[in-house]
N, C-alpha and C. Protein backbone atom coordinates (compact mmCIF):
# COMPACT_ATOMS: atom_id res chain seq x y z
N VAL A 1 184.52 110.23 72.93
CA VAL A 1 183.56 109.49 73.71
C VAL A 1 182.97 110.43 74.76
N THR A 2 181.65 110.45 74.89
CA THR A 2 180.99 111.37 75.81
C THR A 2 181.10 110.88 77.25
N GLU A 3 180.83 111.81 78.20
CA GLU A 3 180.89 111.43 79.61
C GLU A 3 179.79 110.44 79.96
N ALA A 4 178.61 110.59 79.32
CA ALA A 4 177.50 109.67 79.59
C ALA A 4 177.88 108.25 79.18
N ALA A 5 178.63 108.14 78.08
CA ALA A 5 179.04 106.81 77.62
C ALA A 5 180.08 106.20 78.55
N MET A 6 180.79 107.03 79.32
CA MET A 6 181.82 106.53 80.22
C MET A 6 181.34 106.42 81.66
N SER A 7 180.05 106.63 81.91
CA SER A 7 179.53 106.55 83.27
C SER A 7 179.65 105.11 83.78
N PRO A 8 179.76 104.94 85.10
CA PRO A 8 179.95 103.59 85.65
C PRO A 8 178.84 102.61 85.25
N SER A 9 177.59 103.09 85.22
CA SER A 9 176.50 102.16 84.88
C SER A 9 176.58 101.72 83.43
N SER A 10 176.91 102.64 82.51
CA SER A 10 177.00 102.24 81.11
C SER A 10 178.23 101.37 80.88
N LEU A 11 179.31 101.62 81.64
CA LEU A 11 180.48 100.75 81.52
C LEU A 11 180.16 99.34 82.01
N LYS A 12 179.35 99.22 83.05
CA LYS A 12 178.96 97.89 83.55
C LYS A 12 178.19 97.14 82.47
N LEU A 13 177.27 97.85 81.80
CA LEU A 13 176.52 97.21 80.72
C LEU A 13 177.46 96.82 79.59
N TYR A 14 178.41 97.69 79.30
CA TYR A 14 179.37 97.42 78.23
C TYR A 14 180.22 96.20 78.59
N GLU A 15 180.63 96.11 79.85
CA GLU A 15 181.42 94.97 80.29
C GLU A 15 180.61 93.68 80.19
N ALA A 16 179.33 93.77 80.53
CA ALA A 16 178.47 92.58 80.41
C ALA A 16 178.39 92.14 78.96
N GLN A 17 178.31 93.11 78.02
CA GLN A 17 178.30 92.76 76.60
C GLN A 17 179.64 92.14 76.20
N PHE A 18 180.71 92.73 76.69
CA PHE A 18 182.05 92.31 76.30
C PHE A 18 182.34 90.89 76.75
N PHE A 19 182.04 90.59 78.02
CA PHE A 19 182.36 89.28 78.57
C PHE A 19 181.22 88.27 78.40
N GLY A 20 180.02 88.74 78.16
CA GLY A 20 178.88 87.84 78.05
C GLY A 20 178.23 87.56 79.39
N PHE A 21 178.74 88.18 80.46
CA PHE A 21 178.15 88.05 81.79
C PHE A 21 178.62 89.23 82.62
N THR A 22 177.95 89.46 83.73
CA THR A 22 178.37 90.54 84.63
C THR A 22 179.25 89.95 85.73
N PRO A 23 180.10 90.75 86.35
CA PRO A 23 180.90 90.24 87.46
C PRO A 23 180.02 89.69 88.59
N GLN A 24 178.85 90.30 88.78
CA GLN A 24 177.96 89.84 89.84
C GLN A 24 177.44 88.43 89.55
N THR A 25 177.06 88.16 88.29
CA THR A 25 176.60 86.81 87.97
C THR A 25 177.73 85.81 88.10
N CYS A 26 178.93 86.23 87.79
CA CYS A 26 180.10 85.35 87.97
C CYS A 26 180.25 85.00 89.44
N MET A 27 180.13 86.01 90.31
CA MET A 27 180.29 85.77 91.75
C MET A 27 179.14 84.91 92.29
N VAL A 28 177.95 85.09 91.78
CA VAL A 28 176.82 84.26 92.21
C VAL A 28 177.10 82.80 91.86
N ARG A 29 177.66 82.57 90.68
CA ARG A 29 177.98 81.20 90.29
C ARG A 29 179.09 80.61 91.16
N VAL A 30 180.10 81.42 91.46
CA VAL A 30 181.18 80.96 92.34
C VAL A 30 180.63 80.64 93.73
N TYR A 31 179.80 81.54 94.24
CA TYR A 31 179.21 81.35 95.57
C TYR A 31 178.34 80.09 95.60
N SER A 32 177.55 79.90 94.55
CA SER A 32 176.68 78.72 94.48
C SER A 32 177.52 77.44 94.42
N ALA A 33 178.59 77.46 93.64
CA ALA A 33 179.47 76.29 93.56
C ALA A 33 180.11 76.02 94.92
N PHE A 34 180.53 77.09 95.61
CA PHE A 34 181.11 76.91 96.95
C PHE A 34 180.09 76.30 97.91
N GLN A 35 178.85 76.78 97.87
CA GLN A 35 177.80 76.25 98.74
C GLN A 35 177.61 74.75 98.49
N ASP A 36 177.53 74.38 97.22
CA ASP A 36 177.35 72.96 96.88
C ASP A 36 178.52 72.13 97.41
N PHE A 37 179.73 72.62 97.15
CA PHE A 37 180.92 71.89 97.59
C PHE A 37 180.97 71.79 99.11
N LEU A 38 180.65 72.89 99.80
CA LEU A 38 180.68 72.91 101.26
C LEU A 38 179.67 71.92 101.84
N ASN A 39 178.47 71.88 101.28
CA ASN A 39 177.45 70.94 101.76
C ASN A 39 177.91 69.49 101.60
N GLU A 40 178.46 69.17 100.43
CA GLU A 40 178.93 67.81 100.20
C GLU A 40 180.10 67.47 101.13
N LEU A 41 181.02 68.41 101.28
CA LEU A 41 182.20 68.17 102.11
C LEU A 41 181.82 67.97 103.58
N LEU A 42 180.90 68.79 104.08
CA LEU A 42 180.50 68.66 105.48
C LEU A 42 179.78 67.34 105.75
N LEU A 43 179.02 66.87 104.78
CA LEU A 43 178.36 65.56 104.95
C LEU A 43 179.41 64.45 105.05
N VAL A 44 180.43 64.52 104.22
CA VAL A 44 181.49 63.50 104.25
C VAL A 44 182.26 63.59 105.56
N VAL A 45 182.62 64.81 105.98
CA VAL A 45 183.37 64.99 107.23
C VAL A 45 182.55 64.49 108.41
N GLU A 46 181.27 64.81 108.41
CA GLU A 46 180.39 64.36 109.49
C GLU A 46 180.33 62.84 109.54
N ALA A 47 180.19 62.21 108.39
CA ALA A 47 180.14 60.74 108.35
C ALA A 47 181.44 60.13 108.85
N VAL A 48 182.58 60.73 108.48
CA VAL A 48 183.88 60.21 108.93
C VAL A 48 184.01 60.35 110.44
N PHE A 49 183.65 61.51 111.00
CA PHE A 49 183.72 61.70 112.45
C PHE A 49 182.82 60.71 113.19
N VAL A 50 181.61 60.54 112.70
CA VAL A 50 180.68 59.61 113.36
C VAL A 50 181.25 58.20 113.33
N ARG A 51 181.82 57.80 112.22
CA ARG A 51 182.37 56.45 112.10
C ARG A 51 183.58 56.26 113.02
N LYS A 52 184.47 57.27 113.04
CA LYS A 52 185.68 57.17 113.88
C LYS A 52 185.34 57.19 115.37
N LEU A 53 184.36 58.02 115.75
CA LEU A 53 184.03 58.17 117.17
C LEU A 53 183.00 57.14 117.66
N SER A 54 182.35 56.45 116.75
CA SER A 54 181.31 55.50 117.16
C SER A 54 181.88 54.36 117.99
N GLY A 55 183.15 54.05 117.83
CA GLY A 55 183.78 52.99 118.62
C GLY A 55 184.05 53.44 120.04
N THR A 56 184.24 54.74 120.26
CA THR A 56 184.56 55.23 121.60
C THR A 56 183.33 55.71 122.36
N GLU A 57 182.30 56.11 121.67
CA GLU A 57 181.07 56.63 122.29
C GLU A 57 180.05 55.51 122.44
N PRO A 58 179.40 55.41 123.61
CA PRO A 58 178.40 54.34 123.79
C PRO A 58 177.08 54.65 123.09
N ASN A 59 176.64 55.90 123.04
CA ASN A 59 175.34 56.25 122.48
C ASN A 59 175.52 56.78 121.05
N GLY A 60 175.19 55.97 120.06
CA GLY A 60 175.39 56.32 118.64
C GLY A 60 174.45 57.40 118.14
N GLU A 61 173.19 57.38 118.59
CA GLU A 61 172.22 58.38 118.13
C GLU A 61 172.58 59.77 118.63
N GLN A 62 173.00 59.83 119.86
CA GLN A 62 173.39 61.12 120.43
C GLN A 62 174.63 61.65 119.71
N LEU A 63 175.53 60.76 119.36
CA LEU A 63 176.73 61.15 118.62
C LEU A 63 176.37 61.72 117.25
N CYS A 64 175.42 61.06 116.56
CA CYS A 64 174.99 61.54 115.23
C CYS A 64 174.36 62.93 115.32
N SER A 65 173.48 63.12 116.31
CA SER A 65 172.83 64.43 116.43
C SER A 65 173.84 65.51 116.82
N ARG A 66 174.79 65.16 117.70
CA ARG A 66 175.83 66.12 118.10
C ARG A 66 176.72 66.46 116.90
N ALA A 67 177.06 65.46 116.09
CA ALA A 67 177.88 65.69 114.89
C ALA A 67 177.13 66.58 113.90
N ARG A 68 175.83 66.36 113.74
CA ARG A 68 175.01 67.18 112.83
C ARG A 68 174.99 68.63 113.31
N GLU A 69 174.81 68.82 114.61
CA GLU A 69 174.80 70.15 115.22
C GLU A 69 176.12 70.88 114.96
N CYS A 70 177.20 70.18 115.20
CA CYS A 70 178.53 70.78 114.98
C CYS A 70 178.76 71.08 113.51
N SER A 71 178.29 70.20 112.62
CA SER A 71 178.43 70.43 111.18
C SER A 71 177.67 71.68 110.76
N GLN A 72 176.48 71.85 111.30
CA GLN A 72 175.68 73.03 110.96
C GLN A 72 176.34 74.31 111.46
N LYS A 73 176.90 74.28 112.68
CA LYS A 73 177.60 75.45 113.20
C LYS A 73 178.82 75.78 112.34
N LEU A 74 179.56 74.73 111.96
CA LEU A 74 180.72 74.93 111.10
C LEU A 74 180.30 75.49 109.74
N GLN A 75 179.19 74.98 109.21
CA GLN A 75 178.69 75.47 107.92
C GLN A 75 178.33 76.95 108.01
N ILE A 76 177.63 77.36 109.05
CA ILE A 76 177.26 78.77 109.23
C ILE A 76 178.51 79.63 109.35
N PHE A 77 179.48 79.17 110.14
CA PHE A 77 180.73 79.92 110.30
C PHE A 77 181.44 80.09 108.96
N LEU A 78 181.58 79.00 108.21
CA LEU A 78 182.28 79.06 106.92
C LEU A 78 181.52 79.91 105.91
N GLN A 79 180.19 79.85 105.92
CA GLN A 79 179.41 80.66 104.99
C GLN A 79 179.58 82.15 105.27
N GLU A 80 179.59 82.52 106.54
CA GLU A 80 179.79 83.94 106.89
C GLU A 80 181.16 84.41 106.43
N ARG A 81 182.17 83.60 106.65
CA ARG A 81 183.53 83.97 106.21
C ARG A 81 183.59 84.06 104.69
N PHE A 82 182.94 83.13 104.02
CA PHE A 82 182.98 83.14 102.55
C PHE A 82 182.20 84.33 101.99
N LYS A 83 181.12 84.75 102.66
CA LYS A 83 180.39 85.93 102.21
C LYS A 83 181.29 87.16 102.24
N ARG A 84 182.05 87.31 103.31
CA ARG A 84 182.99 88.44 103.39
C ARG A 84 184.03 88.34 102.29
N LEU A 85 184.56 87.16 102.11
CA LEU A 85 185.55 86.94 101.07
C LEU A 85 184.96 87.20 99.69
N THR A 86 183.70 86.82 99.50
CA THR A 86 183.02 87.04 98.22
C THR A 86 182.93 88.53 97.90
N CYS A 87 182.61 89.34 98.89
CA CYS A 87 182.54 90.80 98.67
C CYS A 87 183.89 91.34 98.22
N LEU A 88 184.95 90.89 98.88
CA LEU A 88 186.29 91.33 98.49
C LEU A 88 186.65 90.84 97.09
N MET A 89 186.32 89.58 96.82
CA MET A 89 186.61 89.01 95.50
C MET A 89 185.85 89.75 94.41
N GLU A 90 184.59 90.10 94.69
CA GLU A 90 183.79 90.81 93.70
C GLU A 90 184.40 92.18 93.40
N THR A 91 184.85 92.87 94.44
CA THR A 91 185.48 94.17 94.24
C THR A 91 186.72 94.04 93.37
N VAL A 92 187.54 93.05 93.67
CA VAL A 92 188.76 92.83 92.87
C VAL A 92 188.38 92.46 91.44
N LEU A 93 187.41 91.57 91.28
CA LEU A 93 186.98 91.17 89.94
C LEU A 93 186.47 92.37 89.14
N VAL A 94 185.60 93.16 89.76
CA VAL A 94 184.99 94.30 89.06
C VAL A 94 186.05 95.33 88.68
N ASN A 95 186.95 95.63 89.60
CA ASN A 95 187.90 96.71 89.36
C ASN A 95 189.14 96.30 88.58
N ASN A 96 189.59 95.07 88.75
CA ASN A 96 190.89 94.70 88.17
C ASN A 96 190.83 93.62 87.08
N VAL A 97 189.92 92.69 87.22
CA VAL A 97 189.93 91.54 86.31
C VAL A 97 188.91 91.69 85.19
N LEU A 98 187.66 91.93 85.56
CA LEU A 98 186.58 91.95 84.56
C LEU A 98 186.19 93.37 84.16
N SER A 99 187.15 94.25 84.06
CA SER A 99 186.83 95.61 83.61
C SER A 99 187.40 95.80 82.21
N VAL A 100 186.64 96.48 81.39
CA VAL A 100 187.06 96.75 80.02
C VAL A 100 187.72 98.12 80.01
N PRO A 101 188.95 98.21 79.54
CA PRO A 101 189.60 99.52 79.47
C PRO A 101 188.81 100.46 78.56
N PRO A 102 188.86 101.76 78.83
CA PRO A 102 188.08 102.71 78.02
C PRO A 102 188.44 102.71 76.54
N ASN A 103 189.65 102.27 76.21
CA ASN A 103 190.06 102.30 74.80
C ASN A 103 189.66 101.04 74.03
N VAL A 104 188.99 100.10 74.68
CA VAL A 104 188.58 98.86 74.02
C VAL A 104 187.13 99.00 73.56
N LEU A 105 186.87 98.65 72.30
CA LEU A 105 185.51 98.70 71.75
C LEU A 105 185.09 97.31 71.32
N LEU A 106 183.81 97.03 71.49
CA LEU A 106 183.26 95.78 70.97
C LEU A 106 183.28 95.84 69.45
N PRO A 107 183.35 94.69 68.78
CA PRO A 107 183.35 94.71 67.31
C PRO A 107 182.13 95.43 66.73
N ASP A 108 180.97 95.31 67.39
CA ASP A 108 179.77 95.99 66.89
C ASP A 108 179.90 97.50 66.96
N ASP A 109 180.76 98.00 67.85
CA ASP A 109 180.89 99.45 68.02
C ASP A 109 182.03 100.06 67.21
N GLN A 110 182.77 99.26 66.48
CA GLN A 110 183.87 99.79 65.68
C GLN A 110 183.39 100.81 64.64
N PRO A 111 182.26 100.59 63.95
CA PRO A 111 181.79 101.61 63.00
C PRO A 111 181.49 102.95 63.66
N HIS A 112 181.05 102.94 64.93
CA HIS A 112 180.77 104.20 65.63
C HIS A 112 182.05 105.00 65.82
N LYS A 113 183.14 104.30 66.05
CA LYS A 113 184.42 104.99 66.21
C LYS A 113 184.88 105.55 64.87
N LYS A 114 184.70 104.76 63.83
CA LYS A 114 185.15 105.17 62.50
C LYS A 114 184.30 106.31 61.95
N TYR A 115 182.99 106.22 62.14
CA TYR A 115 182.07 107.24 61.62
C TYR A 115 181.42 107.97 62.79
N PHE A 116 182.22 108.67 63.54
CA PHE A 116 181.76 109.37 64.73
C PHE A 116 180.83 110.52 64.35
N GLN A 117 179.71 110.64 65.07
CA GLN A 117 178.77 111.74 64.84
C GLN A 117 178.52 112.46 66.15
N ARG A 118 178.44 113.78 66.05
CA ARG A 118 178.14 114.55 67.24
C ARG A 118 176.66 114.43 67.57
N LEU A 119 176.32 114.79 68.78
CA LEU A 119 174.95 114.70 69.26
C LEU A 119 174.02 115.56 68.41
N GLU A 120 174.48 116.74 68.01
CA GLU A 120 173.66 117.63 67.19
C GLU A 120 173.30 116.97 65.86
N GLU A 121 174.29 116.30 65.25
CA GLU A 121 174.04 115.63 63.98
C GLU A 121 173.01 114.51 64.14
N VAL A 122 173.14 113.76 65.22
CA VAL A 122 172.20 112.67 65.47
C VAL A 122 170.80 113.23 65.68
N LEU A 123 170.68 114.31 66.46
CA LEU A 123 169.37 114.92 66.69
C LEU A 123 168.78 115.46 65.40
N ASN A 124 169.61 116.08 64.54
CA ASN A 124 169.12 116.57 63.24
C ASN A 124 168.63 115.41 62.38
N LEU A 125 169.38 114.31 62.38
CA LEU A 125 168.95 113.15 61.60
C LEU A 125 167.63 112.58 62.12
N GLU A 126 167.50 112.52 63.44
CA GLU A 126 166.26 112.00 64.03
C GLU A 126 165.08 112.90 63.71
N SER A 127 165.27 114.23 63.75
CA SER A 127 164.16 115.13 63.43
C SER A 127 163.81 115.04 61.95
N SER A 128 164.82 114.90 61.08
CA SER A 128 164.55 114.72 59.65
C SER A 128 163.78 113.43 59.41
N LEU A 129 164.16 112.40 60.11
CA LEU A 129 163.46 111.12 59.98
C LEU A 129 162.01 111.25 60.43
N ALA A 130 161.77 111.96 61.53
CA ALA A 130 160.40 112.17 62.01
C ALA A 130 159.59 112.96 60.99
N GLU A 131 160.19 113.99 60.39
CA GLU A 131 159.49 114.77 59.36
C GLU A 131 159.15 113.90 58.16
N LEU A 132 160.10 113.08 57.73
CA LEU A 132 159.84 112.20 56.59
C LEU A 132 158.72 111.21 56.90
N GLN A 133 158.67 110.72 58.12
CA GLN A 133 157.59 109.80 58.49
C GLN A 133 156.25 110.50 58.45
N LEU A 134 156.19 111.76 58.90
CA LEU A 134 154.94 112.52 58.84
C LEU A 134 154.52 112.76 57.39
N VAL A 135 155.47 113.12 56.54
CA VAL A 135 155.16 113.34 55.12
C VAL A 135 154.66 112.05 54.49
N TYR A 136 155.30 110.94 54.82
CA TYR A 136 154.88 109.65 54.28
C TYR A 136 153.46 109.31 54.72
N GLN A 137 153.17 109.52 56.01
CA GLN A 137 151.82 109.24 56.51
C GLN A 137 150.79 110.13 55.82
N ALA A 138 151.13 111.40 55.60
CA ALA A 138 150.21 112.30 54.90
C ALA A 138 149.98 111.83 53.48
N GLU A 139 151.04 111.37 52.83
CA GLU A 139 150.89 110.87 51.46
C GLU A 139 150.02 109.62 51.42
N VAL A 140 150.19 108.73 52.37
CA VAL A 140 149.37 107.52 52.43
C VAL A 140 147.90 107.90 52.64
N CYS A 141 147.65 108.85 53.56
CA CYS A 141 146.27 109.30 53.80
C CYS A 141 145.69 109.95 52.54
N GLY A 142 146.50 110.75 51.85
CA GLY A 142 146.04 111.38 50.61
C GLY A 142 145.69 110.35 49.56
N ARG A 143 146.50 109.32 49.42
CA ARG A 143 146.21 108.27 48.44
C ARG A 143 144.92 107.53 48.81
N GLN A 144 144.71 107.28 50.09
CA GLN A 144 143.48 106.62 50.50
C GLN A 144 142.27 107.49 50.19
N ALA A 145 142.39 108.79 50.42
CA ALA A 145 141.28 109.71 50.12
C ALA A 145 141.01 109.73 48.62
N LEU A 146 142.07 109.74 47.81
CA LEU A 146 141.89 109.71 46.35
C LEU A 146 141.21 108.42 45.91
N LEU A 147 141.58 107.31 46.51
CA LEU A 147 140.93 106.04 46.17
C LEU A 147 139.44 106.07 46.53
N GLN A 148 139.10 106.68 47.66
CA GLN A 148 137.69 106.80 48.04
C GLN A 148 136.95 107.69 47.05
N LEU A 149 137.57 108.79 46.66
CA LEU A 149 136.94 109.69 45.68
C LEU A 149 136.76 108.99 44.34
N ASP A 150 137.76 108.21 43.93
CA ASP A 150 137.61 107.44 42.69
C ASP A 150 136.44 106.48 42.78
N GLY A 151 136.27 105.85 43.93
CA GLY A 151 135.13 104.94 44.12
C GLY A 151 133.81 105.69 44.02
N ILE A 152 133.74 106.88 44.61
CA ILE A 152 132.50 107.68 44.54
C ILE A 152 132.23 108.09 43.10
N LEU A 153 133.27 108.53 42.39
CA LEU A 153 133.09 108.93 40.98
C LEU A 153 132.63 107.74 40.13
N ARG A 154 133.21 106.57 40.36
CA ARG A 154 132.76 105.39 39.61
C ARG A 154 131.29 105.09 39.90
N TRP A 155 130.91 105.22 41.16
CA TRP A 155 129.52 104.98 41.55
C TRP A 155 128.60 105.98 40.85
N ILE A 156 128.99 107.25 40.78
CA ILE A 156 128.17 108.27 40.10
C ILE A 156 128.06 107.97 38.61
N VAL A 157 129.19 107.57 37.99
CA VAL A 157 129.15 107.24 36.56
C VAL A 157 128.24 106.05 36.32
N GLU A 158 128.31 105.04 37.17
CA GLU A 158 127.43 103.87 37.03
C GLU A 158 125.98 104.27 37.23
N LEU A 159 125.73 105.14 38.20
CA LEU A 159 124.38 105.62 38.46
C LEU A 159 123.85 106.40 37.25
N GLN A 160 124.72 107.24 36.67
CA GLN A 160 124.32 108.00 35.48
C GLN A 160 123.98 107.06 34.33
N ALA A 161 124.82 106.03 34.14
CA ALA A 161 124.58 105.08 33.05
C ALA A 161 123.26 104.35 33.26
N ALA A 162 122.99 103.94 34.50
CA ALA A 162 121.73 103.25 34.79
C ALA A 162 120.56 104.19 34.59
N TRP A 163 120.71 105.45 34.95
CA TRP A 163 119.67 106.46 34.79
C TRP A 163 119.34 106.63 33.32
N MET A 164 120.37 106.73 32.51
CA MET A 164 120.17 106.93 31.07
C MET A 164 119.57 105.67 30.43
N GLN A 165 119.98 104.52 30.93
CA GLN A 165 119.50 103.27 30.37
C GLN A 165 118.00 103.12 30.60
N GLU A 166 117.50 103.63 31.70
CA GLU A 166 116.08 103.54 32.02
C GLU A 166 115.27 104.60 31.27
N GLY A 167 115.97 105.47 30.55
CA GLY A 167 115.26 106.46 29.75
C GLY A 167 114.80 107.66 30.54
N MET A 168 115.40 107.92 31.64
CA MET A 168 115.04 109.09 32.44
C MET A 168 115.58 110.33 31.75
N ALA A 169 115.16 111.46 32.25
CA ALA A 169 115.63 112.73 31.70
C ALA A 169 117.08 112.93 32.12
N SER A 170 117.54 114.11 32.00
CA SER A 170 118.91 114.44 32.34
C SER A 170 119.19 114.04 33.80
N PHE A 171 120.31 113.44 34.00
CA PHE A 171 120.70 112.95 35.33
C PHE A 171 120.76 114.09 36.33
N HIS A 172 121.38 115.18 35.94
CA HIS A 172 121.55 116.31 36.86
C HIS A 172 120.20 116.89 37.27
N ASP A 173 119.30 117.07 36.29
CA ASP A 173 117.99 117.62 36.62
C ASP A 173 117.22 116.67 37.55
N SER A 174 117.24 115.39 37.21
CA SER A 174 116.54 114.41 38.03
C SER A 174 117.15 114.31 39.42
N PHE A 175 118.46 114.39 39.50
CA PHE A 175 119.16 114.31 40.78
C PHE A 175 118.78 115.49 41.67
N HIS A 176 118.72 116.69 41.07
CA HIS A 176 118.31 117.87 41.83
C HIS A 176 116.86 117.73 42.29
N ALA A 177 116.03 117.15 41.47
CA ALA A 177 114.63 116.96 41.85
C ALA A 177 114.52 115.99 43.03
N VAL A 178 115.29 114.91 42.98
CA VAL A 178 115.27 113.93 44.06
C VAL A 178 115.76 114.57 45.35
N ILE A 179 116.83 115.35 45.29
CA ILE A 179 117.36 116.03 46.48
C ILE A 179 116.32 116.99 47.04
N GLY A 180 115.63 117.70 46.16
CA GLY A 180 114.57 118.62 46.61
C GLY A 180 113.46 117.88 47.34
N GLU A 181 113.02 116.74 46.81
CA GLU A 181 111.98 115.94 47.45
C GLU A 181 112.45 115.43 48.81
N VAL A 182 113.68 114.99 48.89
CA VAL A 182 114.23 114.49 50.16
C VAL A 182 114.24 115.61 51.19
N ASN A 183 114.64 116.80 50.76
CA ASN A 183 114.67 117.94 51.69
C ASN A 183 113.27 118.31 52.15
N LYS A 184 112.26 118.24 51.24
CA LYS A 184 110.88 118.54 51.62
C LYS A 184 110.39 117.55 52.67
N LYS A 185 110.69 116.28 52.46
CA LYS A 185 110.23 115.25 53.39
C LYS A 185 110.92 115.40 54.74
N ARG A 186 112.17 115.82 54.71
CA ARG A 186 112.92 115.99 55.95
C ARG A 186 112.35 117.14 56.78
N THR A 187 111.99 118.25 56.12
CA THR A 187 111.47 119.41 56.85
C THR A 187 109.98 119.26 57.13
N GLY A 188 109.29 118.50 56.39
CA GLY A 188 107.84 118.40 56.52
C GLY A 188 107.40 117.33 57.38
């Protein structure tokens, strides 16, 4: 296995193929789920506090706004702590949990291990393939040119047949005469 294949960025791509997701997307989903849960939980806690304290506090509206303020401060505090925790969790996930050992291959890559080719061989095969494509394109162009020439020859044969059918003299002599007249008109 080459060093380029073992680079951290290619291993990350390989891990994404292996697991079907990247550790970062996993952490985004965990963080999103935590946010949803935290929002729901804080709403319930806020409602419970307001209900429990509403009997002791005379001003209910002020209590609700104060509870909302405190809930928002608590939410900001918990989110900051969870962001730090998320960074640590992501590091642990990337390095210890969601990492593919170097000796593990995806099923699609098993043939590469069995039929290993050096870089030189791959480059030789690619250059041979490019040469074959050029030869093929040249052959296609040659066939198209031959088809055009066949069309011109058929047209000349048909023209000769029509010339003879009209009782004209030799086609070649008449053709040279016509070309001569055209050249005279062009120069004159």
